[in-house]
Amino acid sequence: MTKHVLRALAVVGTATLAAGLAASPAGAADTATTFELTAGGLAINAPVSADLGKAAVGSTAVSGKLGPVTVTDDRGALVAAWTATVSSTDFTTGSATAAETVPKANLFYTPGLPTASNPAVGAFVPAAGALGLPLPVYVAATTGNNFATWNPTVSITLPAQAVAGTYSGTITHSVS
């Protein structure tokens, strides 16, 4: 080989050796590093009170909006599933005789679609029905922290013998 070729190979070889030495430190130390995301809770909020309106004696039904109900899931779960359930007491007036009672089975709950939800991925599935027994009204299947808000309509079928008065009862929302 010629001197020029040998000299070029020597320069390339030295540069490669120097690059290899620069990339490999004389000593190395690894640090195992972690962090933690802590889970929050699962909660439901509903209006403290609601007025479903008025109907004349002899009417067959009364209905109205209950107000916004919100489930907040801050558990940060990979599979963030929850079910919101609603139940009711009978509605009564006066001394709660048969003519002064509207049975809870006469209440029909329609949650409607969520008015707000996060995240946009996943499913928030509503279900309507009578409140004679506890009714699962919203089922969620999503990921991570999420929330859903809906404004349900409650329709009450009035018994023919219902007397005049202000009827009251309690509608309870729960989530698990």
Protein backbone atom coordinates (compact mmCIF):
# COMPACT_ATOMS: atom_id res chain seq x y z
CA MET A 1 0.00 0.00 0.00
CA THR A 2 1.04 3.53 -0.52
CA LYS A 3 1.97 5.88 2.25
CA HIS A 4 -1.10 8.04 1.53
CA VAL A 5 -3.51 5.12 1.83
CA LEU A 6 -1.84 3.91 5.03
CA ARG A 7 -1.90 7.40 6.46
CA ALA A 8 -5.66 7.75 5.57
CA LEU A 9 -6.45 4.40 7.20
CA ALA A 10 -4.53 5.42 10.30
CA VAL A 11 -6.48 8.70 10.55
CA VAL A 12 -9.83 6.92 10.08
CA GLY A 13 -8.87 4.22 12.59
CA THR A 14 -7.80 6.81 15.18
CA ALA A 15 -11.01 8.80 14.71
CA THR A 16 -13.11 5.65 15.11
CA LEU A 17 -11.20 4.62 18.23
CA ALA A 18 -11.59 8.13 19.71
CA ALA A 19 -15.34 8.14 19.00
CA GLY A 20 -15.71 4.74 20.63
CA LEU A 21 -13.84 5.88 23.72
CA ALA A 22 -15.91 9.07 24.01
CA ALA A 23 -19.20 7.09 23.85
CA SER A 24 -18.13 4.62 26.55
CA PRO A 25 -17.66 6.33 29.92
CA ALA A 26 -14.94 5.10 32.18
CA GLY A 27 -17.58 4.16 34.76
CA ALA A 28 -21.39 4.20 34.88
CA ALA A 29 -23.99 4.06 37.66
CA ASP A 30 -27.70 3.37 37.13
CA THR A 31 -30.40 4.82 39.37
CA ALA A 32 -33.70 2.95 39.57
CA THR A 33 -36.27 5.75 39.61
CA THR A 34 -39.98 5.62 40.43
CA PHE A 35 -42.94 7.88 41.06
CA GLU A 36 -46.47 7.19 42.27
CA LEU A 37 -49.87 8.36 41.11
CA THR A 38 -52.31 8.08 43.99
CA ALA A 39 -55.93 7.20 43.39
CA GLY A 40 -58.80 9.43 44.35
CA GLY A 41 -62.37 8.35 44.95
CA LEU A 42 -65.66 7.64 43.26
CA ALA A 43 -68.48 10.07 44.13
CA ILE A 44 -71.96 11.08 43.05
CA ASN A 45 -73.69 14.44 43.53
CA ALA A 46 -77.38 15.20 43.00
CA PRO A 47 -79.65 18.14 43.78
CA VAL A 48 -80.66 18.48 47.43
CA SER A 49 -84.28 19.10 46.43
CA ALA A 50 -86.45 19.26 43.32
CA ASP A 51 -89.98 20.35 42.48
CA LEU A 52 -91.55 18.28 39.71
CA GLY A 53 -94.41 20.74 39.19
CA LYS A 54 -98.18 20.67 39.69
CA ALA A 55 -101.07 18.66 38.34
CA ALA A 56 -104.81 18.94 38.97
CA VAL A 57 -106.61 16.26 40.98
CA GLY A 58 -107.77 13.68 38.44
CA SER A 59 -104.67 14.12 36.26
CA THR A 60 -102.94 10.94 35.22
CA ALA A 61 -99.33 12.10 35.52
CA VAL A 62 -96.88 14.77 36.54
CA SER A 63 -93.26 15.03 35.45
CA GLY A 64 -90.26 17.30 35.59
CA LYS A 65 -86.49 17.53 35.55
CA LEU A 66 -84.70 16.47 38.72
CA GLY A 67 -81.61 18.61 38.09
CA PRO A 68 -78.01 17.70 37.23
CA VAL A 69 -76.57 14.47 38.63
CA THR A 70 -72.78 14.02 38.35
CA VAL A 71 -70.54 11.02 38.90
CA THR A 72 -66.87 11.87 39.39
CA ASP A 73 -64.36 9.02 39.15
CA ASP A 74 -60.88 10.07 40.31
CA ARG A 75 -59.62 6.53 40.92
CA GLY A 76 -57.37 6.64 37.85
CA ALA A 77 -58.08 3.00 37.00
CA LEU A 78 -56.98 1.27 33.82
CA VAL A 79 -60.49 -0.15 33.60
CA ALA A 80 -62.65 2.62 35.06
CA ALA A 81 -66.06 1.01 35.36
CA TRP A 82 -68.91 2.19 37.55
CA THR A 83 -72.69 1.88 37.80
CA ALA A 84 -74.98 4.66 39.01
CA THR A 85 -78.19 3.41 40.61
CA VAL A 86 -81.34 5.29 41.61
CA SER A 87 -84.04 4.29 44.07
CA SER A 88 -87.03 6.00 45.64
CA THR A 89 -89.39 5.96 48.56
CA ASP A 90 -93.14 6.16 48.12
CA PHE A 91 -94.44 9.73 47.81
CA THR A 92 -96.97 10.71 50.47
CA THR A 93 -99.02 13.60 51.75
CA GLY A 94 -101.05 14.01 54.94
CA SER A 95 -101.05 10.85 57.07
CA ALA A 96 -100.00 8.60 54.14
CA THR A 97 -103.25 6.66 53.78
CA ALA A 98 -103.74 4.71 50.53
CA ALA A 99 -105.37 7.80 48.92
CA GLU A 100 -102.44 9.93 50.17
CA THR A 101 -99.70 7.68 48.75
CA VAL A 102 -98.14 7.39 45.32
CA PRO A 103 -96.16 4.12 45.27
CA LYS A 104 -92.52 4.31 44.19
CA ALA A 105 -93.34 1.81 41.41
CA ASN A 106 -95.35 4.67 39.79
CA LEU A 107 -92.16 6.71 39.32
CA PHE A 108 -90.37 6.41 35.96
CA TYR A 109 -86.78 7.70 35.70
CA THR A 110 -85.29 8.73 32.35
CA PRO A 111 -81.64 9.81 32.65
CA GLY A 112 -81.19 10.96 29.06
CA LEU A 113 -77.80 11.31 27.41
CA PRO A 114 -74.93 12.87 29.37
CA THR A 115 -74.88 16.66 29.18
CA ALA A 116 -71.14 16.52 29.91
CA SER A 117 -68.59 13.73 30.13
CA ASN A 118 -64.87 13.16 30.09
CA PRO A 119 -63.02 11.51 28.50
CA ALA A 120 -64.62 11.34 25.09
CA VAL A 121 -63.46 7.73 24.74
CA GLY A 122 -65.31 4.94 26.46
CA ALA A 123 -68.98 4.43 26.98
CA PHE A 124 -71.52 6.07 29.27
CA VAL A 125 -74.70 4.05 28.76
CA PRO A 126 -78.04 5.30 30.18
CA ALA A 127 -81.05 3.13 31.04
CA ALA A 128 -84.58 4.24 31.94
CA GLY A 129 -87.15 2.45 34.06
CA ALA A 130 -89.59 2.35 36.95
CA LEU A 131 -88.32 2.88 40.50
CA GLY A 132 -90.22 0.06 42.21
CA LEU A 133 -86.77 -1.50 42.78
CA PRO A 134 -83.32 0.11 42.65
CA LEU A 135 -82.59 0.85 38.99
CA PRO A 136 -79.11 0.93 37.40
CA VAL A 137 -79.42 4.11 35.29
CA TYR A 138 -75.88 4.74 34.08
CA VAL A 139 -73.04 2.33 33.38
CA ALA A 140 -69.60 3.63 32.47
CA ALA A 141 -66.70 1.76 30.91
CA THR A 142 -63.69 3.96 30.22
CA THR A 143 -60.10 4.51 31.33
CA GLY A 144 -58.53 6.81 33.93
CA ASN A 145 -60.22 9.71 35.65
CA ASN A 146 -63.64 10.50 34.23
CA PHE A 147 -66.98 12.11 34.95
CA ALA A 148 -70.50 12.15 33.55
CA THR A 149 -73.39 14.56 34.19
CA TRP A 150 -77.02 14.05 33.23
CA ASN A 151 -80.32 15.81 33.98
CA PRO A 152 -82.98 13.12 34.50
CA THR A 153 -86.70 13.43 33.98
CA VAL A 154 -88.95 11.85 36.61
CA SER A 155 -92.49 11.00 35.49
CA ILE A 156 -95.07 9.97 38.06
CA THR A 157 -98.26 8.09 37.18
CA LEU A 158 -100.91 9.36 39.57
CA PRO A 159 -103.37 6.87 41.09
CA ALA A 160 -107.03 7.64 40.33
CA GLN A 161 -107.81 7.90 44.09
CA ALA A 162 -104.95 10.38 44.81
CA VAL A 163 -106.15 13.32 46.91
CA ALA A 164 -105.00 16.93 46.80
CA GLY A 165 -101.83 17.77 48.72
CA THR A 166 -98.10 18.30 48.46
CA TYR A 167 -96.52 14.89 48.05
CA SER A 168 -92.97 14.29 49.13
CA GLY A 169 -90.54 11.42 48.91
CA THR A 170 -86.83 10.81 48.52
CA ILE A 171 -85.02 9.82 45.34
CA THR A 172 -81.56 8.44 46.14
CA HIS A 173 -78.63 8.18 43.72
CA SER A 174 -75.66 5.92 44.47
CA VAL A 175 -72.56 4.81 42.57
CA SER A 176 -70.32 1.79 42.83
